[in-house]
Amino acid sequence: MLKEAWKVAIEALSWIEMEKINEQMALSKTTEQLQVEDPNAIRYAYRLVCETVRRKNQIEEFIKQVIKPEILNDFNLGLQSFLRLYVYQTRSTRNWIKIDLKEAEKIAKLGRTILGWKTFRQIEHVLGFLLTQELSMIFKKLNEIETIALQTFHPTWFVEYCINLLGKSQAISFLEANMNLPPDYIRLNTLKGSELEILKNLSEDSVELKKIKLLKYVYEVTGTKQPLIQIASFQGGLFYIQDKASCFAAEIANPKPGMIVFDVCSAPGTKTSYLAQLMKNQGSIYSVDYSLRRSKVWRKEITQMGVKITNQVIADAVISLPFRSKADIIVLDPPCTSTGVFAKQPSAKWRISPQSINKMAEIQWQMISNCADMVKPGGILVYSTCSVTIEENEMIIEKFLKENSEFCLVEIEPKIGLPGFRGLKECQRFYPHLHSSNGFFVAKLMKKV
């Protein structure tokens, strides 16, 4: 199992570096390519990859200092990936203090077997130095921002951005929270059974839960003996793994049975299934997404969750929404820089740049503008992102209100998050260090009658 896991991890990490894809896509691509089916090997490889990618800047800076005058790019992608994984497993997991020589030798042997001894010989001479050098050497001659970036595993530009946005103390707390995964939350699916019945099933499956106050069907998972996706209740669609901030965005839309709802950027189906649940499978939901690949996942999720009132629409909301009728509610969760979910998707923080924020804001602006005409008078438009940047959130809403005077912000209840910036107190923001959730922004707008 160990050899298979390391083989998958090396290859998946190489795909991430080469194609700038996320961890899930890289793992899926690799397991199909290598025809790996052992779930234990896949889970172990996924953890190795995610935690190594999370610490990418710190690990690479350490390797850089140890192997100079050689550089990491002198080696092929397989060797580069092995070195990153090797440093993570032998040093980072041990807090850079204790060294287990037997473990290091075992990992080196795995690398030699997987990559071939002739190839592996190129890095043999640096493995001992990687085990013995002190982490402290990478912090010499750095300024405060650069030091925080390496200590919290974030790009330097993003550290500076967060300090400007939140202040130094809150920024550091936010960045430190991204170093660890947030709790798992589930949303019970009352389309498949009553809340009490589902809770009984989960209890029998040894899943321990804590109810989230002020949200309808949302629970924090405080204990489980097996991965949630392997539990029969999950496979039967009795619950959905969904962050509480995302559940909040669907709940504040407040859809009622019989309404017409547009779920824009709907794949993989998270919002659609909850909206249908809140509507008790009565009414119509038009789920819009441009990605054929993601739409296939959407169909699978919708079927599993027992949703019967959806209509899938393949369209690009940047261009237009292809509807003649208007909606009582539009829920728009546009593509974003994902700066609020770096804890869950660590590869995202290494793909974006300051320019990415403005490019994404342009897409978001086109989408929300196209939604404006499709809301009925008296109808609701909910805008949300899993980003903490002001350009993708408050600045979009400010501009929208200026150019669409027929809309106004609506107070969001319950008040779980913090008020928005720039005086937009009706909006709400969530942060991992304050709310134990993804970083998130949500605004609720009403079209005047």
Protein backbone atom coordinates (compact mmCIF):
# COMPACT_ATOMS: atom_id res chain seq x y z
CA MET A 1 0.00 0.00 0.00
CA LEU A 2 2.78 2.43 0.94
CA LYS A 3 4.58 2.05 -2.40
CA GLU A 4 1.36 2.57 -4.33
CA ALA A 5 0.50 5.64 -2.24
CA TRP A 6 3.88 7.25 -2.82
CA LYS A 7 3.72 6.46 -6.52
CA VAL A 8 0.34 8.21 -6.74
CA ALA A 9 1.55 11.15 -4.62
CA ILE A 10 4.67 11.73 -6.74
CA GLU A 11 2.69 11.61 -9.98
CA ALA A 12 -0.21 13.75 -8.69
CA LEU A 13 2.15 16.41 -7.36
CA SER A 14 3.89 16.44 -10.75
CA TRP A 15 0.56 17.04 -12.49
CA ILE A 16 -0.21 19.92 -10.13
CA GLU A 17 3.15 21.53 -10.92
CA MET A 18 2.91 20.95 -14.66
CA GLU A 19 -0.74 21.78 -15.37
CA LYS A 20 -1.65 24.01 -12.40
CA ILE A 21 -4.68 21.87 -11.57
CA ASN A 22 -6.12 21.27 -8.11
CA GLU A 23 -5.47 18.34 -5.80
CA GLN A 24 -8.70 16.49 -6.57
CA MET A 25 -8.23 16.69 -10.34
CA ALA A 26 -4.59 15.63 -10.07
CA LEU A 27 -5.45 12.65 -7.89
CA SER A 28 -8.32 11.60 -10.16
CA LYS A 29 -6.08 11.89 -13.21
CA THR A 30 -3.28 9.93 -11.54
CA THR A 31 -5.37 7.08 -10.14
CA GLU A 32 -6.95 6.57 -13.56
CA GLN A 33 -3.57 6.78 -15.29
CA LEU A 34 -1.89 4.33 -12.90
CA GLN A 35 -5.05 2.22 -12.44
CA VAL A 36 -4.86 2.43 -8.66
CA GLU A 37 -7.98 1.26 -6.84
CA ASP A 38 -6.83 0.70 -3.25
CA PRO A 39 -8.84 3.31 -1.25
CA ASN A 40 -6.30 3.31 1.58
CA ALA A 41 -3.45 4.10 -0.81
CA ILE A 42 -5.49 6.84 -2.47
CA ARG A 43 -6.44 8.46 0.85
CA TYR A 44 -2.85 8.36 2.08
CA ALA A 45 -1.57 9.83 -1.19
CA TYR A 46 -4.18 12.59 -1.05
CA ARG A 47 -3.10 13.59 2.44
CA LEU A 48 0.56 13.60 1.42
CA VAL A 49 -0.16 15.77 -1.60
CA CYS A 50 -2.47 18.25 0.16
CA GLU A 51 -0.18 18.79 3.13
CA THR A 52 2.91 19.11 0.96
CA VAL A 53 1.18 21.61 -1.35
CA ARG A 54 -0.08 23.52 1.69
CA ARG A 55 3.53 24.11 2.80
CA LYS A 56 4.90 24.62 -0.72
CA ASN A 57 6.76 27.90 -0.18
CA GLN A 58 8.36 26.85 3.11
CA ILE A 59 9.40 23.42 1.80
CA GLU A 60 10.77 24.81 -1.47
CA GLU A 61 12.71 27.57 0.26
CA PHE A 62 14.25 24.98 2.59
CA ILE A 63 15.23 22.74 -0.33
CA LYS A 64 16.61 25.74 -2.21
CA GLN A 65 18.89 26.70 0.69
CA VAL A 66 20.11 23.13 1.21
CA ILE A 67 20.89 22.14 -2.37
CA LYS A 68 22.39 25.39 -3.70
CA PRO A 69 24.20 26.03 -6.01
CA GLU A 70 21.93 23.41 -7.58
CA ILE A 71 18.31 24.44 -8.05
CA LEU A 72 15.10 22.41 -7.88
CA ASN A 73 14.38 22.91 -11.58
CA ASP A 74 17.64 21.13 -12.41
CA PHE A 75 15.76 17.89 -11.73
CA ASN A 76 12.81 16.35 -13.57
CA LEU A 77 9.28 16.72 -12.21
CA GLY A 78 9.30 13.29 -10.58
CA LEU A 79 12.44 14.06 -8.59
CA GLN A 80 11.18 17.53 -7.67
CA SER A 81 7.93 16.05 -6.38
CA PHE A 82 9.76 13.36 -4.41
CA LEU A 83 12.00 15.95 -2.74
CA ARG A 84 9.00 18.04 -1.68
CA LEU A 85 7.17 15.01 -0.31
CA TYR A 86 10.34 13.72 1.38
CA VAL A 87 10.90 17.00 3.23
CA TYR A 88 7.25 17.16 4.27
CA GLN A 89 7.20 13.60 5.64
CA THR A 90 10.64 13.48 7.28
CA ARG A 91 10.88 17.03 8.61
CA SER A 92 7.62 19.00 8.60
CA THR A 93 5.50 16.26 10.19
CA ARG A 94 8.11 16.05 12.96
CA ASN A 95 8.10 19.78 13.55
CA TRP A 96 11.60 20.01 12.04
CA ILE A 97 13.15 18.61 15.24
CA LYS A 98 13.12 14.83 15.61
CA ILE A 99 14.55 12.71 12.81
CA ASP A 100 13.58 9.08 12.19
CA LEU A 101 16.43 7.64 10.13
CA LYS A 102 14.64 4.34 9.54
CA GLU A 103 11.63 6.17 8.12
CA ALA A 104 13.87 8.35 5.93
CA GLU A 105 15.70 5.29 4.61
CA LYS A 106 12.41 3.55 3.89
CA ILE A 107 11.10 6.55 1.96
CA ALA A 108 14.35 6.85 0.00
CA LYS A 109 14.08 3.17 -0.90
CA LEU A 110 10.51 3.76 -2.13
CA GLY A 111 11.68 6.70 -4.23
CA ARG A 112 14.50 4.62 -5.70
CA THR A 113 12.07 1.86 -6.64
CA ILE A 114 9.42 4.15 -8.09
CA LEU A 115 11.68 6.53 -10.03
CA GLY A 116 14.45 4.09 -10.92
CA TRP A 117 17.89 3.97 -9.31
CA LYS A 118 19.66 5.69 -12.22
CA THR A 119 17.30 8.68 -12.06
CA PHE A 120 17.21 8.70 -8.27
CA ARG A 121 21.01 8.82 -8.09
CA GLN A 122 20.82 12.50 -9.10
CA ILE A 123 19.42 13.45 -5.66
CA GLU A 124 20.97 10.81 -3.38
CA HIS A 125 23.68 13.20 -2.28
CA VAL A 126 21.24 15.81 -0.89
CA LEU A 127 18.97 13.56 1.18
CA GLY A 128 21.24 13.54 4.23
CA PHE A 129 21.58 17.33 4.21
CA LEU A 130 17.79 17.69 4.00
CA LEU A 131 17.55 15.66 7.20
CA THR A 132 20.09 17.63 9.20
CA GLN A 133 19.79 21.32 8.27
CA GLU A 134 17.85 23.69 10.54
CA LEU A 135 14.64 25.33 9.32
CA SER A 136 15.71 28.62 10.93
CA MET A 137 18.21 29.26 8.12
CA ILE A 138 15.43 30.13 5.67
CA PHE A 139 14.28 33.10 7.75
CA LYS A 140 17.59 34.96 7.75
CA LYS A 141 17.57 38.37 6.04
CA LEU A 142 13.78 38.33 5.53
CA ASN A 143 11.47 41.24 6.31
CA GLU A 144 8.38 40.78 8.50
CA ILE A 145 5.94 40.15 5.64
CA GLU A 146 8.22 37.56 4.05
CA THR A 147 8.67 35.84 7.42
CA ILE A 148 4.92 35.64 8.04
CA ALA A 149 4.46 34.27 4.51
CA LEU A 150 6.86 31.38 5.15
CA GLN A 151 5.58 30.72 8.65
CA THR A 152 1.93 30.55 7.57
CA PHE A 153 2.47 29.00 4.11
CA HIS A 154 1.07 31.84 1.98
CA PRO A 155 2.31 33.94 -0.94
CA THR A 156 3.96 37.15 0.24
CA TRP A 157 1.62 39.36 -1.79
CA PHE A 158 -1.42 37.72 -0.16
CA VAL A 159 -0.04 38.25 3.35
CA GLU A 160 0.38 41.93 2.56
CA TYR A 161 -3.14 42.07 1.09
CA CYS A 162 -4.68 40.51 4.21
CA ILE A 163 -2.84 42.87 6.56
CA ASN A 164 -4.12 45.85 4.57
CA LEU A 165 -7.65 44.41 4.63
CA LEU A 166 -7.95 43.06 8.17
CA GLY A 167 -5.14 44.63 10.18
CA LYS A 168 -2.02 42.75 11.26
CA SER A 169 -3.44 40.84 14.24
CA GLN A 170 -6.60 39.59 12.51
CA ALA A 171 -4.69 38.86 9.31
CA ILE A 172 -2.20 36.62 11.11
CA SER A 173 -5.04 34.79 12.88
CA PHE A 174 -6.78 34.29 9.53
CA LEU A 175 -3.60 33.06 7.84
CA GLU A 176 -2.81 30.70 10.72
CA ALA A 177 -6.33 29.26 10.53
CA ASN A 178 -5.65 28.38 6.88
CA MET A 179 -2.82 26.12 8.04
CA ASN A 180 -5.37 23.56 9.27
CA LEU A 181 -8.53 22.05 7.87
CA PRO A 182 -11.80 23.52 9.20
CA PRO A 183 -14.33 21.16 10.82
CA ASP A 184 -16.50 18.94 8.64
CA TYR A 185 -20.13 19.97 8.38
CA ILE A 186 -23.06 18.03 6.98
CA ARG A 187 -26.51 19.10 5.89
CA LEU A 188 -29.26 16.54 6.54
CA ASN A 189 -31.37 15.90 3.45
CA THR A 190 -35.04 15.91 4.47
CA LEU A 191 -36.07 14.99 0.92
CA LYS A 192 -34.99 11.45 1.82
CA GLY A 193 -36.34 11.22 5.35
CA SER A 194 -37.15 13.14 8.50
CA GLU A 195 -34.41 14.84 10.47
CA LEU A 196 -34.90 12.43 13.38
CA GLU A 197 -34.70 9.36 11.13
CA ILE A 198 -31.49 10.55 9.52
CA LEU A 199 -29.94 11.38 12.90
CA LYS A 200 -30.81 7.86 14.10
CA ASN A 201 -29.12 6.31 11.05
CA LEU A 202 -26.00 8.41 11.59
CA SER A 203 -25.89 7.50 15.26
CA GLU A 204 -26.03 3.82 14.30
CA ASP A 205 -23.09 4.51 11.95
CA SER A 206 -21.15 5.94 14.94
CA VAL A 207 -21.18 9.50 13.56
CA GLU A 208 -21.10 12.07 16.35
CA LEU A 209 -22.72 15.41 15.59
CA LYS A 210 -23.23 18.85 17.08
CA LYS A 211 -26.15 20.99 15.89
CA ILE A 212 -25.25 24.38 14.44
CA LYS A 213 -27.52 26.95 16.01
CA LEU A 214 -29.51 29.27 13.76
CA LEU A 215 -29.12 27.00 10.71
CA LYS A 216 -31.89 24.54 9.84
CA TYR A 217 -30.33 21.18 9.03
CA VAL A 218 -26.62 21.77 9.56
CA TYR A 219 -24.43 19.80 11.95
CA GLU A 220 -20.73 19.76 12.77
CA VAL A 221 -19.14 16.31 12.65
CA THR A 222 -17.33 15.85 15.95
CA GLY A 223 -16.47 12.18 15.52
CA THR A 224 -16.67 9.34 12.99
CA LYS A 225 -15.12 5.88 12.74
CA GLN A 226 -14.92 5.90 8.95
CA PRO A 227 -14.70 8.46 6.14
CA LEU A 228 -18.05 10.19 5.66
CA ILE A 229 -18.24 9.30 1.97
CA GLN A 230 -18.08 5.59 2.84
CA ILE A 231 -21.06 5.72 5.17
CA ALA A 232 -24.23 4.11 3.81
CA SER A 233 -26.29 7.16 4.76
CA PHE A 234 -24.11 9.35 2.54
CA GLN A 235 -24.29 6.95 -0.39
CA GLY A 236 -28.05 6.88 0.07
CA GLY A 237 -28.27 10.68 -0.12
CA LEU A 238 -29.39 11.16 3.48
CA PHE A 239 -26.82 13.90 4.04
CA TYR A 240 -24.50 16.16 2.09
CA ILE A 241 -21.02 17.31 3.10
CA GLN A 242 -21.28 21.10 2.91
CA ASP A 243 -19.60 23.98 4.73
CA LYS A 244 -21.92 25.90 7.03
CA ALA A 245 -21.26 29.21 5.26
CA SER A 246 -22.43 27.67 1.99
CA CYS A 247 -25.58 26.36 3.71
CA PHE A 248 -26.17 29.85 5.09
CA ALA A 249 -26.15 31.34 1.57
CA ALA A 250 -28.91 28.95 0.46
CA GLU A 251 -31.00 29.48 3.59
CA ILE A 252 -31.00 33.28 3.41
CA ALA A 253 -32.37 33.06 -0.15
CA ASN A 254 -35.47 31.68 1.62
CA PRO A 255 -37.04 29.86 -1.35
CA LYS A 256 -40.63 28.71 -0.91
CA PRO A 257 -42.52 25.79 -2.48
CA GLY A 258 -43.86 26.71 -5.90
CA MET A 259 -41.29 29.42 -6.65
CA ILE A 260 -39.16 29.76 -9.79
CA VAL A 261 -35.48 29.80 -8.85
CA PHE A 262 -32.36 30.22 -11.01
CA ASP A 263 -29.22 28.64 -9.55
CA VAL A 264 -26.41 30.25 -11.54
CA CYS A 265 -23.02 28.51 -11.59
CA SER A 266 -24.79 25.50 -10.12
CA ALA A 267 -22.36 22.60 -10.53
CA PRO A 268 -21.58 20.40 -8.69
CA GLY A 269 -25.11 20.69 -7.29
CA THR A 270 -24.52 21.76 -3.69
CA LYS A 271 -26.84 24.77 -3.82
CA THR A 272 -29.40 23.19 -6.14
CA SER A 273 -30.05 20.26 -3.84
CA TYR A 274 -30.43 22.49 -0.77
CA LEU A 275 -32.72 24.94 -2.56
CA ALA A 276 -34.90 22.01 -3.65
CA GLN A 277 -34.94 20.72 -0.09
CA LEU A 278 -36.05 24.08 1.25
CA MET A 279 -38.75 24.17 -1.46
CA LYS A 280 -39.89 20.65 -0.49
CA ASN A 281 -39.43 19.55 -4.11
CA GLN A 282 -42.22 21.88 -5.22
CA GLY A 283 -41.65 24.57 -7.86
CA SER A 284 -38.92 24.89 -10.48
CA ILE A 285 -35.16 25.31 -10.26
CA TYR A 286 -33.18 26.12 -13.39
CA SER A 287 -29.55 25.20 -12.76
CA VAL A 288 -27.11 27.03 -15.02
CA ASP A 289 -23.49 26.03 -15.60
CA TYR A 290 -21.18 26.16 -18.62
CA SER A 291 -18.95 23.19 -17.71
CA LEU A 292 -19.98 19.86 -19.25
CA ARG A 293 -17.58 18.00 -16.94
CA ARG A 294 -18.98 19.62 -13.80
CA SER A 295 -22.52 19.21 -15.08
CA LYS A 296 -22.04 15.44 -15.15
CA VAL A 297 -21.17 15.60 -11.45
CA TRP A 298 -24.25 17.81 -10.94
CA ARG A 299 -26.55 15.15 -12.46
CA LYS A 300 -25.09 12.46 -10.20
CA GLU A 301 -25.49 14.60 -7.05
CA ILE A 302 -29.03 15.67 -7.91
CA THR A 303 -30.12 12.08 -8.48
CA GLN A 304 -28.48 10.89 -5.27
CA MET A 305 -30.16 13.62 -3.22
CA GLY A 306 -33.65 12.88 -4.59
CA VAL A 307 -34.21 16.26 -6.24
CA LYS A 308 -37.11 16.26 -8.73
CA ILE A 309 -37.72 19.92 -9.63
CA THR A 310 -34.53 20.82 -11.48
CA ASN A 311 -33.87 21.66 -15.08
CA GLN A 312 -30.25 21.66 -16.20
CA VAL A 313 -29.16 24.49 -18.50
CA ILE A 314 -25.73 24.47 -20.14
CA ALA A 315 -24.90 28.14 -20.68
CA ASP A 316 -22.23 30.72 -19.95
CA ALA A 317 -23.64 33.30 -17.52
CA VAL A 318 -20.85 35.69 -18.53
CA ILE A 319 -22.56 36.01 -21.92
CA SER A 320 -26.25 35.77 -21.00
CA LEU A 321 -28.94 33.83 -19.17
CA PRO A 322 -31.02 32.07 -21.85
CA PHE A 323 -34.47 32.51 -20.27
CA ARG A 324 -37.65 34.22 -21.37
CA SER A 325 -39.37 34.10 -17.98
CA LYS A 326 -38.04 35.73 -14.82
CA ALA A 327 -37.23 34.25 -11.43
CA ASP A 328 -38.55 34.81 -7.93
CA ILE A 329 -35.03 34.13 -6.68
CA ILE A 330 -31.62 34.01 -8.34
CA VAL A 331 -28.71 32.53 -6.43
CA LEU A 332 -25.37 33.47 -7.98
CA ASP A 333 -22.18 31.84 -6.71
CA PRO A 334 -19.73 32.89 -9.43
CA PRO A 335 -16.19 31.61 -10.01
CA CYS A 336 -13.79 33.35 -7.63
CA THR A 337 -10.16 33.30 -6.50
CA SER A 338 -11.09 30.91 -3.65
CA THR A 339 -9.10 32.95 -1.13
CA GLY A 340 -11.52 31.81 1.56
CA VAL A 341 -10.91 28.10 1.03
CA PHE A 342 -7.12 27.87 1.02
CA ALA A 343 -7.38 25.50 3.99
CA LYS A 344 -9.33 22.99 1.90
CA GLN A 345 -7.77 23.77 -1.49
CA PRO A 346 -4.14 24.69 -0.76
CA SER A 347 -3.08 24.52 -4.41
CA ALA A 348 -5.35 27.51 -5.17
CA LYS A 349 -3.14 29.94 -3.26
CA TRP A 350 -0.15 29.17 -5.48
CA ARG A 351 -2.13 29.59 -8.74
CA ILE A 352 -3.47 33.09 -8.20
CA SER A 353 -1.82 36.50 -8.28
CA PRO A 354 -2.99 40.08 -7.59
CA GLN A 355 -3.96 40.24 -11.26
CA SER A 356 -6.19 37.17 -10.81
CA ILE A 357 -8.44 39.13 -8.44
CA ASN A 358 -9.23 41.83 -11.01
CA LYS A 359 -9.70 39.29 -13.81
CA MET A 360 -12.13 37.30 -11.68
CA ALA A 361 -13.99 40.47 -10.65
CA GLU A 362 -14.61 41.22 -14.34
CA ILE A 363 -16.24 37.81 -14.78
CA GLN A 364 -18.30 38.25 -11.62
CA TRP A 365 -19.46 41.68 -12.76
CA GLN A 366 -20.67 40.33 -16.10
CA MET A 367 -22.55 37.53 -14.37
CA ILE A 368 -24.33 39.65 -11.77
CA SER A 369 -25.20 42.22 -14.45
CA ASN A 370 -26.81 39.50 -16.57
CA CYS A 371 -28.78 38.31 -13.54
CA ALA A 372 -30.28 41.75 -12.85
CA ASP A 373 -32.82 41.71 -15.70
CA MET A 374 -33.95 38.18 -14.88
CA VAL A 375 -35.27 38.94 -11.36
CA LYS A 376 -38.99 39.59 -10.97
CA PRO A 377 -40.06 42.85 -9.28
CA GLY A 378 -40.08 42.06 -5.58
CA GLY A 379 -37.69 39.16 -6.26
CA ILE A 380 -34.37 38.34 -4.61
CA LEU A 381 -30.81 38.09 -5.90
CA VAL A 382 -28.30 36.38 -3.60
CA TYR A 383 -24.63 36.91 -4.46
CA SER A 384 -21.95 34.87 -2.68
CA THR A 385 -18.30 33.94 -3.07
CA CYS A 386 -15.79 31.85 -1.13
CA SER A 387 -13.30 34.71 -1.39
CA VAL A 388 -12.29 37.33 1.17
CA THR A 389 -11.09 39.96 -1.29
CA ILE A 390 -12.95 43.25 -1.37
CA GLU A 391 -12.71 43.54 -5.17
CA GLU A 392 -14.78 40.37 -5.65
CA ASN A 393 -17.33 41.23 -3.02
CA GLU A 394 -18.18 44.70 -1.68
CA MET A 395 -16.84 46.52 -4.73
CA ILE A 396 -19.01 44.37 -7.02
CA ILE A 397 -22.10 45.09 -4.91
CA GLU A 398 -21.33 48.83 -4.73
CA LYS A 399 -21.02 49.05 -8.50
CA PHE A 400 -24.14 46.94 -9.00
CA LEU A 401 -26.25 49.20 -6.78
CA LYS A 402 -24.99 52.31 -8.59
CA GLU A 403 -25.91 50.92 -12.00
CA ASN A 404 -29.12 49.16 -10.95
CA SER A 405 -31.10 51.63 -8.85
CA GLU A 406 -34.11 49.32 -8.83
CA PHE A 407 -32.21 47.03 -6.41
CA CYS A 408 -31.48 47.55 -2.72
CA LEU A 409 -29.59 45.57 -0.10
CA VAL A 410 -31.67 43.54 2.33
CA GLU A 411 -30.74 42.82 5.94
CA ILE A 412 -29.67 39.20 6.25
CA GLU A 413 -31.05 37.12 9.10
CA PRO A 414 -29.75 35.41 11.12
CA LYS A 415 -26.65 37.48 11.80
CA ILE A 416 -23.98 34.80 12.00
CA GLY A 417 -21.11 36.47 10.16
CA LEU A 418 -19.54 39.93 10.41
CA PRO A 419 -20.85 43.00 8.52
CA GLY A 420 -19.38 43.73 5.11
CA PHE A 421 -16.75 46.42 4.50
CA ARG A 422 -17.18 49.86 2.88
CA GLY A 423 -20.35 50.53 4.89
CA LEU A 424 -22.25 47.58 3.43
CA LYS A 425 -23.35 46.37 6.85
CA GLU A 426 -26.27 44.39 5.38
CA CYS A 427 -23.79 41.94 3.82
CA GLN A 428 -22.10 39.25 5.88
CA ARG A 429 -18.56 37.88 5.94
CA PHE A 430 -17.22 34.63 7.38
CA TYR A 431 -13.63 33.80 8.34
CA PRO A 432 -12.08 30.47 9.36
CA HIS A 433 -10.46 31.90 12.49
CA LEU A 434 -13.67 33.49 13.74
CA HIS A 435 -16.44 31.24 12.46
CA SER A 436 -14.73 27.84 11.99
CA SER A 437 -15.87 27.84 8.38
CA ASN A 438 -14.64 28.72 4.93
CA GLY A 439 -13.92 32.36 4.25
CA PHE A 440 -17.14 33.57 2.64
CA PHE A 441 -19.09 36.64 1.55
CA VAL A 442 -22.83 36.92 0.93
CA ALA A 443 -25.11 39.77 -0.11
CA LYS A 444 -28.91 39.71 -0.47
CA LEU A 445 -30.49 42.16 -2.92
CA MET A 446 -34.16 42.83 -3.58
CA LYS A 447 -35.62 44.21 -6.80
CA LYS A 448 -38.07 46.98 -5.93
CA VAL A 449 -41.68 46.58 -7.02
